[in-house]
Amino acid sequence: MLNYIGFYLSYPFLWLAGNMPFWILYRFSDFFYIVVLLVGYRKKVIETNLRNSFPEKSNSEIRKIRYSFYRHFCDIFVETIAMQKSNVSRIRKRVRVVNPEDVNAVLEKGQDVIAVTGHYGNWEWVPSVSDRLNALGVSVYRPLKNPMMDKYMLMLRSRFGSVNIPKKNTSREIVRYKRSNQRFILGLISDQSPGKRELQYWTRFLNQNTPVILGPEKLAKLTDSQLFFWQMEKEKRGQYKITFIPYEGNVKDSADYDITEWHLRLLEKLIVSKPEHWLWSHKRWKYQHLFPGKE
């Protein structure tokens, strides 16, 4: 009941904000930044993640990254709300795709595409580029605990014509697309922590022992799809650039974990280049104490 009350109380603001021009939304972002900074939103989690990832950085450098992350985080918040009323052209002019022809060339040959990315840049705006790619855009999501907010986010994520499927239904739905000869581009965010029962593969990521989700590799081999790393970079406030980086190896014949290491290293390189644009507020390393080599 509290979930429903909270959502309906906040919805008028969400609706109003969704109709505002970006220059006003970014003034709200500036205000939210001050609030988040004063409250110290997830400060302990963020600073622990940053210190362990960049042990060579000083306290002042870590603090600077945290402050920059807060500012970017607030921008993502208002940019996500803006999707409520934005048409494709309003967002499209803010998301530049460097090489859509590389993906379309694969699709024209009759092969499907799996695009792997992380919580970097503004991942919520990624579906806005589906109109520049010649296939059905498909995203996988984890349902939110608040059913009303889950419904709201699904509405936002479907604004640009992409299909959203729950994580547990991924394999079944993808097989159905294959059987019906429906070309698809499956977008996967690969940097979450696996479930406690899914700690199958560990690697060094950002200087830490890290359990890794194997979904992209397994699905690519299952469907014999072409893999791309979906590299999203923030060029300036409200302006993003996407580059598709292809996997050069043979997906079917690749050794176990080669694909996983490939997209993790690309993400790691991206994070190191501009760390403030990654989502540091999640507990990525909450199962680190279960690392097999830990005494």
C-alpha atoms as a PDB file:
ATOM      1  CA  MET A   1       0.000   0.000   0.000  1.00  0.00           C
ATOM      2  CA  LEU A   2       2.810   2.422   0.864  1.00  0.00           C
ATOM      3  CA  ASN A   3       4.370   1.758  -2.558  1.00  0.00           C
ATOM      4  CA  TYR A   4       1.157   2.830  -4.284  1.00  0.00           C
ATOM      5  CA  ILE A   5       0.696   5.915  -2.103  1.00  0.00           C
ATOM      6  CA  GLY A   6       4.304   7.005  -2.612  1.00  0.00           C
ATOM      7  CA  PHE A   7       4.052   6.607  -6.374  1.00  0.00           C
ATOM      8  CA  TYR A   8       0.781   8.506  -6.740  1.00  0.00           C
ATOM      9  CA  LEU A   9       2.087  11.331  -4.560  1.00  0.00           C
ATOM     10  CA  SER A  10       5.202  11.683  -6.721  1.00  0.00           C
ATOM     11  CA  TYR A  11       3.564  11.149 -10.121  1.00  0.00           C
ATOM     12  CA  PRO A  12       2.261  14.738 -10.571  1.00  0.00           C
ATOM     13  CA  PHE A  13       5.842  15.985 -10.219  1.00  0.00           C
ATOM     14  CA  LEU A  14       7.113  13.312 -12.633  1.00  0.00           C
ATOM     15  CA  TRP A  15       4.436  14.240 -15.175  1.00  0.00           C
ATOM     16  CA  LEU A  16       5.146  17.959 -14.872  1.00  0.00           C
ATOM     17  CA  ALA A  17       8.911  17.473 -15.077  1.00  0.00           C
ATOM     18  CA  GLY A  18       8.528  15.237 -18.121  1.00  0.00           C
ATOM     19  CA  ASN A  19       6.998  18.158 -20.018  1.00  0.00           C
ATOM     20  CA  MET A  20       9.714  20.663 -19.142  1.00  0.00           C
ATOM     21  CA  PRO A  21      12.472  21.786 -21.540  1.00  0.00           C
ATOM     22  CA  PHE A  22      15.911  20.450 -20.797  1.00  0.00           C
ATOM     23  CA  TRP A  23      17.353  23.757 -19.614  1.00  0.00           C
ATOM     24  CA  ILE A  24      14.799  23.793 -16.777  1.00  0.00           C
ATOM     25  CA  LEU A  25      15.348  20.109 -15.990  1.00  0.00           C
ATOM     26  CA  TYR A  26      19.059  20.742 -15.597  1.00  0.00           C
ATOM     27  CA  ARG A  27      18.308  23.502 -13.080  1.00  0.00           C
ATOM     28  CA  PHE A  28      16.443  20.859 -11.085  1.00  0.00           C
ATOM     29  CA  SER A  29      19.478  18.615 -11.478  1.00  0.00           C
ATOM     30  CA  ASP A  30      21.675  21.363 -10.013  1.00  0.00           C
ATOM     31  CA  PHE A  31      19.336  21.589  -7.019  1.00  0.00           C
ATOM     32  CA  PHE A  32      19.216  17.807  -6.554  1.00  0.00           C
ATOM     33  CA  TYR A  33      23.016  17.756  -6.676  1.00  0.00           C
ATOM     34  CA  ILE A  34      23.210  20.072  -3.655  1.00  0.00           C
ATOM     35  CA  VAL A  35      20.681  17.934  -1.768  1.00  0.00           C
ATOM     36  CA  VAL A  36      22.473  14.673  -2.608  1.00  0.00           C
ATOM     37  CA  LEU A  37      25.797  16.208  -1.613  1.00  0.00           C
ATOM     38  CA  LEU A  38      24.468  17.436   1.733  1.00  0.00           C
ATOM     39  CA  VAL A  39      22.725  14.148   2.498  1.00  0.00           C
ATOM     40  CA  GLY A  40      25.795  12.169   1.444  1.00  0.00           C
ATOM     41  CA  TYR A  41      23.810   9.707  -0.661  1.00  0.00           C
ATOM     42  CA  ARG A  42      25.405   6.251  -0.263  1.00  0.00           C
ATOM     43  CA  LYS A  43      28.661   7.974   0.584  1.00  0.00           C
ATOM     44  CA  LYS A  44      30.181   4.953   2.327  1.00  0.00           C
ATOM     45  CA  VAL A  45      29.387   2.558  -0.534  1.00  0.00           C
ATOM     46  CA  ILE A  46      30.639   4.976  -3.186  1.00  0.00           C
ATOM     47  CA  GLU A  47      33.883   5.849  -1.404  1.00  0.00           C
ATOM     48  CA  THR A  48      34.624   2.201  -0.586  1.00  0.00           C
ATOM     49  CA  ASN A  49      34.101   1.228  -4.221  1.00  0.00           C
ATOM     50  CA  LEU A  50      36.283   4.095  -5.423  1.00  0.00           C
ATOM     51  CA  ARG A  51      39.114   3.484  -2.938  1.00  0.00           C
ATOM     52  CA  ASN A  52      39.280  -0.212  -3.763  1.00  0.00           C
ATOM     53  CA  SER A  53      39.120   0.470  -7.502  1.00  0.00           C
ATOM     54  CA  PHE A  54      41.729   3.254  -7.465  1.00  0.00           C
ATOM     55  CA  PRO A  55      44.087   2.553  -4.540  1.00  0.00           C
ATOM     56  CA  GLU A  56      46.649   4.913  -6.040  1.00  0.00           C
ATOM     57  CA  LYS A  57      44.377   7.969  -5.786  1.00  0.00           C
ATOM     58  CA  SER A  58      44.500  10.420  -2.881  1.00  0.00           C
ATOM     59  CA  ASN A  59      41.573  11.258  -0.609  1.00  0.00           C
ATOM     60  CA  SER A  60      41.002  14.532  -2.444  1.00  0.00           C
ATOM     61  CA  GLU A  61      40.947  12.747  -5.821  1.00  0.00           C
ATOM     62  CA  ILE A  62      38.434  10.199  -4.527  1.00  0.00           C
ATOM     63  CA  ARG A  63      36.260  12.980  -3.146  1.00  0.00           C
ATOM     64  CA  LYS A  64      36.402  14.858  -6.448  1.00  0.00           C
ATOM     65  CA  ILE A  65      35.230  11.761  -8.350  1.00  0.00           C
ATOM     66  CA  ARG A  66      32.390  11.246  -5.858  1.00  0.00           C
ATOM     67  CA  TYR A  67      31.235  14.833  -6.290  1.00  0.00           C
ATOM     68  CA  SER A  68      31.409  14.517 -10.090  1.00  0.00           C
ATOM     69  CA  PHE A  69      29.494  11.248  -9.908  1.00  0.00           C
ATOM     70  CA  TYR A  70      26.746  12.918  -7.878  1.00  0.00           C
ATOM     71  CA  ARG A  71      26.382  15.619 -10.531  1.00  0.00           C
ATOM     72  CA  HIS A  72      26.210  13.052 -13.334  1.00  0.00           C
ATOM     73  CA  PHE A  73      23.795  10.899 -11.318  1.00  0.00           C
ATOM     74  CA  CYS A  74      21.400  13.837 -10.917  1.00  0.00           C
ATOM     75  CA  ASP A  75      21.608  14.540 -14.649  1.00  0.00           C
ATOM     76  CA  ILE A  76      20.642  10.927 -15.387  1.00  0.00           C
ATOM     77  CA  PHE A  77      17.655  11.283 -13.062  1.00  0.00           C
ATOM     78  CA  VAL A  78      16.182  14.284 -14.888  1.00  0.00           C
ATOM     79  CA  GLU A  79      17.122  12.881 -18.310  1.00  0.00           C
ATOM     80  CA  THR A  80      15.209   9.703 -17.494  1.00  0.00           C
ATOM     81  CA  ILE A  81      12.140  11.685 -16.442  1.00  0.00           C
ATOM     82  CA  ALA A  82      12.395  13.621 -19.725  1.00  0.00           C
ATOM     83  CA  MET A  83      11.746  10.374 -21.612  1.00  0.00           C
ATOM     84  CA  GLN A  84       8.133  10.485 -20.410  1.00  0.00           C
ATOM     85  CA  LYS A  85       7.059  13.040 -23.006  1.00  0.00           C
ATOM     86  CA  SER A  86      10.023  13.186 -25.348  1.00  0.00           C
ATOM     87  CA  ASN A  87       9.629  12.016 -28.914  1.00  0.00           C
ATOM     88  CA  VAL A  88      12.444  10.203 -30.645  1.00  0.00           C
ATOM     89  CA  SER A  89      13.781  13.334 -32.332  1.00  0.00           C
ATOM     90  CA  ARG A  90      14.149  15.214 -29.017  1.00  0.00           C
ATOM     91  CA  ILE A  91      16.409  12.533 -27.568  1.00  0.00           C
ATOM     92  CA  ARG A  92      17.937  11.411 -30.863  1.00  0.00           C
ATOM     93  CA  LYS A  93      19.673  14.735 -31.429  1.00  0.00           C
ATOM     94  CA  ARG A  94      21.333  14.261 -28.028  1.00  0.00           C
ATOM     95  CA  VAL A  95      22.601  10.726 -28.733  1.00  0.00           C
ATOM     96  CA  ARG A  96      25.035  10.424 -31.621  1.00  0.00           C
ATOM     97  CA  VAL A  97      25.763   6.981 -33.081  1.00  0.00           C
ATOM     98  CA  VAL A  98      29.188   6.817 -34.695  1.00  0.00           C
ATOM     99  CA  ASN A  99      28.856   3.620 -36.726  1.00  0.00           C
ATOM    100  CA  PRO A 100      25.301   2.238 -37.037  1.00  0.00           C
ATOM    101  CA  GLU A 101      26.223   0.887 -40.464  1.00  0.00           C
ATOM    102  CA  ASP A 102      28.487  -1.737 -38.867  1.00  0.00           C
ATOM    103  CA  VAL A 103      25.543  -3.205 -36.973  1.00  0.00           C
ATOM    104  CA  ASN A 104      23.156  -2.934 -39.913  1.00  0.00           C
ATOM    105  CA  ALA A 105      25.632  -4.746 -42.165  1.00  0.00           C
ATOM    106  CA  VAL A 106      25.524  -7.739 -39.813  1.00  0.00           C
ATOM    107  CA  LEU A 107      21.717  -7.676 -39.702  1.00  0.00           C
ATOM    108  CA  GLU A 108      21.483  -7.521 -43.490  1.00  0.00           C
ATOM    109  CA  LYS A 109      23.448 -10.770 -43.647  1.00  0.00           C
ATOM    110  CA  GLY A 110      20.745 -12.454 -41.577  1.00  0.00           C
ATOM    111  CA  GLN A 111      22.608 -12.537 -38.274  1.00  0.00           C
ATOM    112  CA  ASP A 112      21.264 -11.196 -34.991  1.00  0.00           C
ATOM    113  CA  VAL A 113      23.194  -8.876 -32.689  1.00  0.00           C
ATOM    114  CA  ILE A 114      23.899  -8.864 -28.973  1.00  0.00           C
ATOM    115  CA  ALA A 115      25.142  -5.501 -27.700  1.00  0.00           C
ATOM    116  CA  VAL A 116      26.796  -5.528 -24.274  1.00  0.00           C
ATOM    117  CA  THR A 117      27.213  -2.443 -22.137  1.00  0.00           C
ATOM    118  CA  GLY A 118      27.387  -1.324 -18.507  1.00  0.00           C
ATOM    119  CA  HIS A 119      25.814   1.277 -16.233  1.00  0.00           C
ATOM    120  CA  TYR A 120      27.897   3.971 -17.868  1.00  0.00           C
ATOM    121  CA  GLY A 121      26.848   7.268 -19.450  1.00  0.00           C
ATOM    122  CA  ASN A 122      23.051   7.276 -19.601  1.00  0.00           C
ATOM    123  CA  TRP A 123      22.002   3.694 -20.286  1.00  0.00           C
ATOM    124  CA  GLU A 124      18.314   4.691 -20.119  1.00  0.00           C
ATOM    125  CA  TRP A 125      18.717   6.666 -23.342  1.00  0.00           C
ATOM    126  CA  VAL A 126      20.199   3.741 -25.254  1.00  0.00           C
ATOM    127  CA  PRO A 127      16.806   2.563 -26.679  1.00  0.00           C
ATOM    128  CA  SER A 128      16.388   5.940 -28.387  1.00  0.00           C
ATOM    129  CA  VAL A 129      18.816   4.871 -31.123  1.00  0.00           C
ATOM    130  CA  SER A 130      16.804   1.784 -32.117  1.00  0.00           C
ATOM    131  CA  ASP A 131      15.256   3.710 -35.014  1.00  0.00           C
ATOM    132  CA  ARG A 132      18.704   3.870 -36.612  1.00  0.00           C
ATOM    133  CA  LEU A 133      19.174   0.104 -36.461  1.00  0.00           C
ATOM    134  CA  ASN A 134      17.335  -2.270 -38.772  1.00  0.00           C
ATOM    135  CA  ALA A 135      16.011  -4.774 -36.246  1.00  0.00           C
ATOM    136  CA  LEU A 136      13.783  -5.125 -33.215  1.00  0.00           C
ATOM    137  CA  GLY A 137      15.422  -3.660 -30.116  1.00  0.00           C
ATOM    138  CA  VAL A 138      15.157  -5.968 -27.104  1.00  0.00           C
ATOM    139  CA  SER A 139      16.218  -5.180 -23.541  1.00  0.00           C
ATOM    140  CA  VAL A 140      16.403  -7.405 -20.476  1.00  0.00           C
ATOM    141  CA  TYR A 141      15.372  -6.016 -17.108  1.00  0.00           C
ATOM    142  CA  ARG A 142      15.011  -7.018 -13.486  1.00  0.00           C
ATOM    143  CA  PRO A 143      11.510  -6.131 -12.213  1.00  0.00           C
ATOM    144  CA  LEU A 144      11.522  -3.492  -9.465  1.00  0.00           C
ATOM    145  CA  LYS A 145      10.111  -4.274  -6.028  1.00  0.00           C
ATOM    146  CA  ASN A 146       7.673  -1.360  -6.252  1.00  0.00           C
ATOM    147  CA  PRO A 147       5.073  -2.559  -8.824  1.00  0.00           C
ATOM    148  CA  MET A 148       3.920   0.952  -9.721  1.00  0.00           C
ATOM    149  CA  MET A 149       7.446   2.245 -10.256  1.00  0.00           C
ATOM    150  CA  ASP A 150       8.209  -0.917 -12.242  1.00  0.00           C
ATOM    151  CA  LYS A 151       5.251  -0.182 -14.522  1.00  0.00           C
ATOM    152  CA  TYR A 152       6.347   3.451 -14.879  1.00  0.00           C
ATOM    153  CA  MET A 153       9.927   2.529 -15.807  1.00  0.00           C
ATOM    154  CA  LEU A 154       8.704  -0.050 -18.330  1.00  0.00           C
ATOM    155  CA  MET A 155       6.570   2.650 -19.926  1.00  0.00           C
ATOM    156  CA  LEU A 156       9.601   4.938 -20.216  1.00  0.00           C
ATOM    157  CA  ARG A 157      11.825   2.191 -21.611  1.00  0.00           C
ATOM    158  CA  SER A 158       9.241   1.268 -24.247  1.00  0.00           C
ATOM    159  CA  ARG A 159       8.799   4.827 -25.547  1.00  0.00           C
ATOM    160  CA  PHE A 160      11.121   4.259 -28.476  1.00  0.00           C
ATOM    161  CA  GLY A 161       9.674   0.993 -29.765  1.00  0.00           C
ATOM    162  CA  SER A 162      11.955  -1.479 -28.019  1.00  0.00           C
ATOM    163  CA  VAL A 163      10.696  -4.610 -26.252  1.00  0.00           C
ATOM    164  CA  ASN A 164      11.502  -5.252 -22.588  1.00  0.00           C
ATOM    165  CA  ILE A 165      11.561  -8.810 -21.268  1.00  0.00           C
ATOM    166  CA  PRO A 166      12.088 -10.004 -17.668  1.00  0.00           C
ATOM    167  CA  LYS A 167      15.443 -11.612 -17.023  1.00  0.00           C
ATOM    168  CA  LYS A 168      13.923 -15.017 -16.238  1.00  0.00           C
ATOM    169  CA  ASN A 169      12.250 -15.137 -19.683  1.00  0.00           C
ATOM    170  CA  THR A 170      15.285 -14.101 -21.727  1.00  0.00           C
ATOM    171  CA  SER A 171      16.292 -17.449 -23.261  1.00  0.00           C
ATOM    172  CA  ARG A 172      12.710 -18.438 -24.065  1.00  0.00           C
ATOM    173  CA  GLU A 173      11.899 -15.143 -25.786  1.00  0.00           C
ATOM    174  CA  ILE A 174      15.124 -15.043 -27.768  1.00  0.00           C
ATOM    175  CA  VAL A 175      14.588 -18.602 -29.018  1.00  0.00           C
ATOM    176  CA  ARG A 176      11.075 -17.564 -30.068  1.00  0.00           C
ATOM    177  CA  TYR A 177      12.485 -14.651 -32.089  1.00  0.00           C
ATOM    178  CA  LYS A 178      14.969 -16.987 -33.757  1.00  0.00           C
ATOM    179  CA  ARG A 179      12.277 -19.491 -34.727  1.00  0.00           C
ATOM    180  CA  SER A 180      10.061 -16.763 -36.190  1.00  0.00           C
ATOM    181  CA  ASN A 181      13.024 -15.305 -38.109  1.00  0.00           C
ATOM    182  CA  GLN A 182      12.652 -11.982 -36.310  1.00  0.00           C
ATOM    183  CA  ARG A 183      15.935 -10.072 -36.507  1.00  0.00           C
ATOM    184  CA  PHE A 184      16.812  -8.565 -33.146  1.00  0.00           C
ATOM    185  CA  ILE A 185      19.378  -6.495 -31.293  1.00  0.00           C
ATOM    186  CA  LEU A 186      19.546  -7.685 -27.717  1.00  0.00           C
ATOM    187  CA  GLY A 187      20.922  -5.079 -25.324  1.00  0.00           C
ATOM    188  CA  LEU A 188      22.471  -6.467 -22.150  1.00  0.00           C
ATOM    189  CA  ILE A 189      23.883  -4.591 -19.161  1.00  0.00           C
ATOM    190  CA  SER A 190      26.649  -6.824 -17.875  1.00  0.00           C
ATOM    191  CA  ASP A 191      28.126  -5.141 -14.810  1.00  0.00           C
ATOM    192  CA  GLN A 192      25.648  -6.096 -12.082  1.00  0.00           C
ATOM    193  CA  SER A 193      26.631  -8.489  -9.329  1.00  0.00           C
ATOM    194  CA  PRO A 194      25.393 -12.036 -10.023  1.00  0.00           C
ATOM    195  CA  GLY A 195      22.999 -13.663  -7.588  1.00  0.00           C
ATOM    196  CA  LYS A 196      24.543 -15.531  -4.678  1.00  0.00           C
ATOM    197  CA  ARG A 197      23.800 -18.859  -6.388  1.00  0.00           C
ATOM    198  CA  GLU A 198      25.353 -17.709  -9.673  1.00  0.00           C
ATOM    199  CA  LEU A 199      28.937 -17.062  -8.546  1.00  0.00           C
ATOM    200  CA  GLN A 200      30.411 -19.212 -11.291  1.00  0.00           C
ATOM    201  CA  TYR A 201      33.231 -17.082 -12.674  1.00  0.00           C
ATOM    202  CA  TRP A 202      35.534 -14.588 -10.944  1.00  0.00           C
ATOM    203  CA  THR A 203      38.044 -12.195 -12.465  1.00  0.00           C
ATOM    204  CA  ARG A 204      40.066  -9.093 -11.561  1.00  0.00           C
ATOM    205  CA  PHE A 205      38.015  -6.030 -12.384  1.00  0.00           C
ATOM    206  CA  LEU A 206      39.016  -2.556 -11.214  1.00  0.00           C
ATOM    207  CA  ASN A 207      41.698  -4.049  -8.955  1.00  0.00           C
ATOM    208  CA  GLN A 208      39.237  -6.328  -7.164  1.00  0.00           C
ATOM    209  CA  ASN A 209      38.192  -9.974  -7.229  1.00  0.00           C
ATOM    210  CA  THR A 210      34.831  -9.736  -8.946  1.00  0.00           C
ATOM    211  CA  PRO A 211      32.099 -12.299  -9.720  1.00  0.00           C
ATOM    212  CA  VAL A 212      30.777 -11.794 -13.223  1.00  0.00           C
ATOM    213  CA  ILE A 213      27.481 -12.365 -15.023  1.00  0.00           C
ATOM    214  CA  LEU A 214      27.943 -14.842 -17.883  1.00  0.00           C
ATOM    215  CA  GLY A 215      24.651 -14.123 -19.653  1.00  0.00           C
ATOM    216  CA  PRO A 216      26.067 -12.263 -22.684  1.00  0.00           C
ATOM    217  CA  GLU A 217      28.535 -15.042 -23.473  1.00  0.00           C
ATOM    218  CA  LYS A 218      25.985 -17.831 -23.004  1.00  0.00           C
ATOM    219  CA  LEU A 219      23.309 -16.112 -25.097  1.00  0.00           C
ATOM    220  CA  ALA A 220      25.753 -15.253 -27.879  1.00  0.00           C
ATOM    221  CA  LYS A 221      26.804 -18.902 -28.174  1.00  0.00           C
ATOM    222  CA  LEU A 222      23.216 -20.132 -27.904  1.00  0.00           C
ATOM    223  CA  THR A 223      21.991 -17.894 -30.728  1.00  0.00           C
ATOM    224  CA  ASP A 224      25.229 -17.576 -32.755  1.00  0.00           C
ATOM    225  CA  SER A 225      24.785 -13.796 -32.700  1.00  0.00           C
ATOM    226  CA  GLN A 226      27.381 -11.169 -33.540  1.00  0.00           C
ATOM    227  CA  LEU A 227      28.645  -9.427 -30.428  1.00  0.00           C
ATOM    228  CA  PHE A 228      29.262  -5.710 -30.067  1.00  0.00           C
ATOM    229  CA  PHE A 229      30.350  -3.685 -27.073  1.00  0.00           C
ATOM    230  CA  TRP A 230      27.975  -0.747 -26.774  1.00  0.00           C
ATOM    231  CA  GLN A 231      30.337   2.052 -25.773  1.00  0.00           C
ATOM    232  CA  MET A 232      28.457   5.121 -24.560  1.00  0.00           C
ATOM    233  CA  GLU A 233      30.416   8.264 -23.726  1.00  0.00           C
ATOM    234  CA  LYS A 234      29.223  11.583 -22.326  1.00  0.00           C
ATOM    235  CA  GLU A 235      30.581  14.341 -24.547  1.00  0.00           C
ATOM    236  CA  LYS A 236      29.006  17.143 -22.528  1.00  0.00           C
ATOM    237  CA  ARG A 237      25.898  17.709 -20.451  1.00  0.00           C
ATOM    238  CA  GLY A 238      22.955  16.081 -22.197  1.00  0.00           C
ATOM    239  CA  GLN A 239      25.057  14.951 -25.169  1.00  0.00           C
ATOM    240  CA  TYR A 240      26.205  11.345 -25.637  1.00  0.00           C
ATOM    241  CA  LYS A 241      28.102   9.346 -28.216  1.00  0.00           C
ATOM    242  CA  ILE A 242      27.675   5.630 -28.930  1.00  0.00           C
ATOM    243  CA  THR A 243      30.285   3.517 -30.704  1.00  0.00           C
ATOM    244  CA  PHE A 244      29.752  -0.156 -31.541  1.00  0.00           C
ATOM    245  CA  ILE A 245      32.940  -2.178 -31.032  1.00  0.00           C
ATOM    246  CA  PRO A 246      32.697  -5.651 -32.644  1.00  0.00           C
ATOM    247  CA  TYR A 247      33.954  -8.887 -31.155  1.00  0.00           C
ATOM    248  CA  GLU A 248      36.604 -10.019 -33.610  1.00  0.00           C
ATOM    249  CA  GLY A 249      36.681 -13.705 -32.681  1.00  0.00           C
ATOM    250  CA  ASN A 250      34.399 -16.559 -33.675  1.00  0.00           C
ATOM    251  CA  VAL A 251      31.608 -16.652 -31.101  1.00  0.00           C
ATOM    252  CA  LYS A 252      30.848 -20.365 -31.407  1.00  0.00           C
ATOM    253  CA  ASP A 253      34.498 -21.420 -31.182  1.00  0.00           C
ATOM    254  CA  SER A 254      35.619 -18.990 -28.490  1.00  0.00           C
ATOM    255  CA  ALA A 255      37.047 -20.505 -25.322  1.00  0.00           C
ATOM    256  CA  ASP A 256      35.063 -20.297 -22.114  1.00  0.00           C
ATOM    257  CA  TYR A 257      35.110 -16.791 -20.614  1.00  0.00           C
ATOM    258  CA  ASP A 258      36.960 -15.205 -23.570  1.00  0.00           C
ATOM    259  CA  ILE A 259      33.874 -13.194 -24.528  1.00  0.00           C
ATOM    260  CA  THR A 260      33.251 -12.232 -20.923  1.00  0.00           C
ATOM    261  CA  GLU A 261      36.823 -10.999 -20.501  1.00  0.00           C
ATOM    262  CA  TRP A 262      36.578  -9.085 -23.770  1.00  0.00           C
ATOM    263  CA  HIS A 263      33.605  -6.929 -22.824  1.00  0.00           C
ATOM    264  CA  LEU A 264      34.765  -6.517 -19.213  1.00  0.00           C
ATOM    265  CA  ARG A 265      38.137  -5.121 -20.291  1.00  0.00           C
ATOM    266  CA  LEU A 266      36.452  -2.653 -22.641  1.00  0.00           C
ATOM    267  CA  LEU A 267      34.152  -1.491 -19.854  1.00  0.00           C
ATOM    268  CA  GLU A 268      37.045  -1.261 -17.411  1.00  0.00           C
ATOM    269  CA  LYS A 269      39.025   0.891 -19.837  1.00  0.00           C
ATOM    270  CA  LEU A 270      36.014   3.165 -20.270  1.00  0.00           C
ATOM    271  CA  ILE A 271      35.515   3.530 -16.518  1.00  0.00           C
ATOM    272  CA  VAL A 272      39.168   4.321 -15.877  1.00  0.00           C
ATOM    273  CA  SER A 273      39.095   7.037 -18.555  1.00  0.00           C
ATOM    274  CA  LYS A 274      36.206   8.933 -16.885  1.00  0.00           C
ATOM    275  CA  PRO A 275      35.181   7.182 -13.665  1.00  0.00           C
ATOM    276  CA  GLU A 276      32.518   9.719 -12.694  1.00  0.00           C
ATOM    277  CA  HIS A 277      30.203   8.412 -15.431  1.00  0.00           C
ATOM    278  CA  TRP A 278      29.858   4.894 -13.961  1.00  0.00           C
ATOM    279  CA  LEU A 279      27.230   3.939 -11.381  1.00  0.00           C
ATOM    280  CA  TRP A 280      29.306   3.717  -8.190  1.00  0.00           C
ATOM    281  CA  SER A 281      26.377   3.650  -5.770  1.00  0.00           C
ATOM    282  CA  HIS A 282      25.570  -0.046  -6.170  1.00  0.00           C
ATOM    283  CA  LYS A 283      27.147  -2.790  -4.073  1.00  0.00           C
ATOM    284  CA  ARG A 284      29.002  -4.466  -6.953  1.00  0.00           C
ATOM    285  CA  TRP A 285      31.377  -6.325  -4.651  1.00  0.00           C
ATOM    286  CA  LYS A 286      28.987  -7.459  -1.909  1.00  0.00           C
ATOM    287  CA  TYR A 287      30.001 -11.119  -2.365  1.00  0.00           C
ATOM    288  CA  GLN A 288      33.728 -10.504  -2.374  1.00  0.00           C
ATOM    289  CA  HIS A 289      34.051 -12.422   0.906  1.00  0.00           C
ATOM    290  CA  LEU A 290      32.938 -15.552  -0.986  1.00  0.00           C
ATOM    291  CA  PHE A 291      35.878 -15.446  -3.422  1.00  0.00           C
ATOM    292  CA  PRO A 292      37.172 -19.058  -3.658  1.00  0.00           C
ATOM    293  CA  GLY A 293      40.803 -18.046  -3.108  1.00  0.00           C
ATOM    294  CA  LYS A 294      40.041 -16.061   0.036  1.00  0.00           C
ATOM    295  CA  GLU A 295      41.226 -17.685   3.249  1.00  0.00           C
END
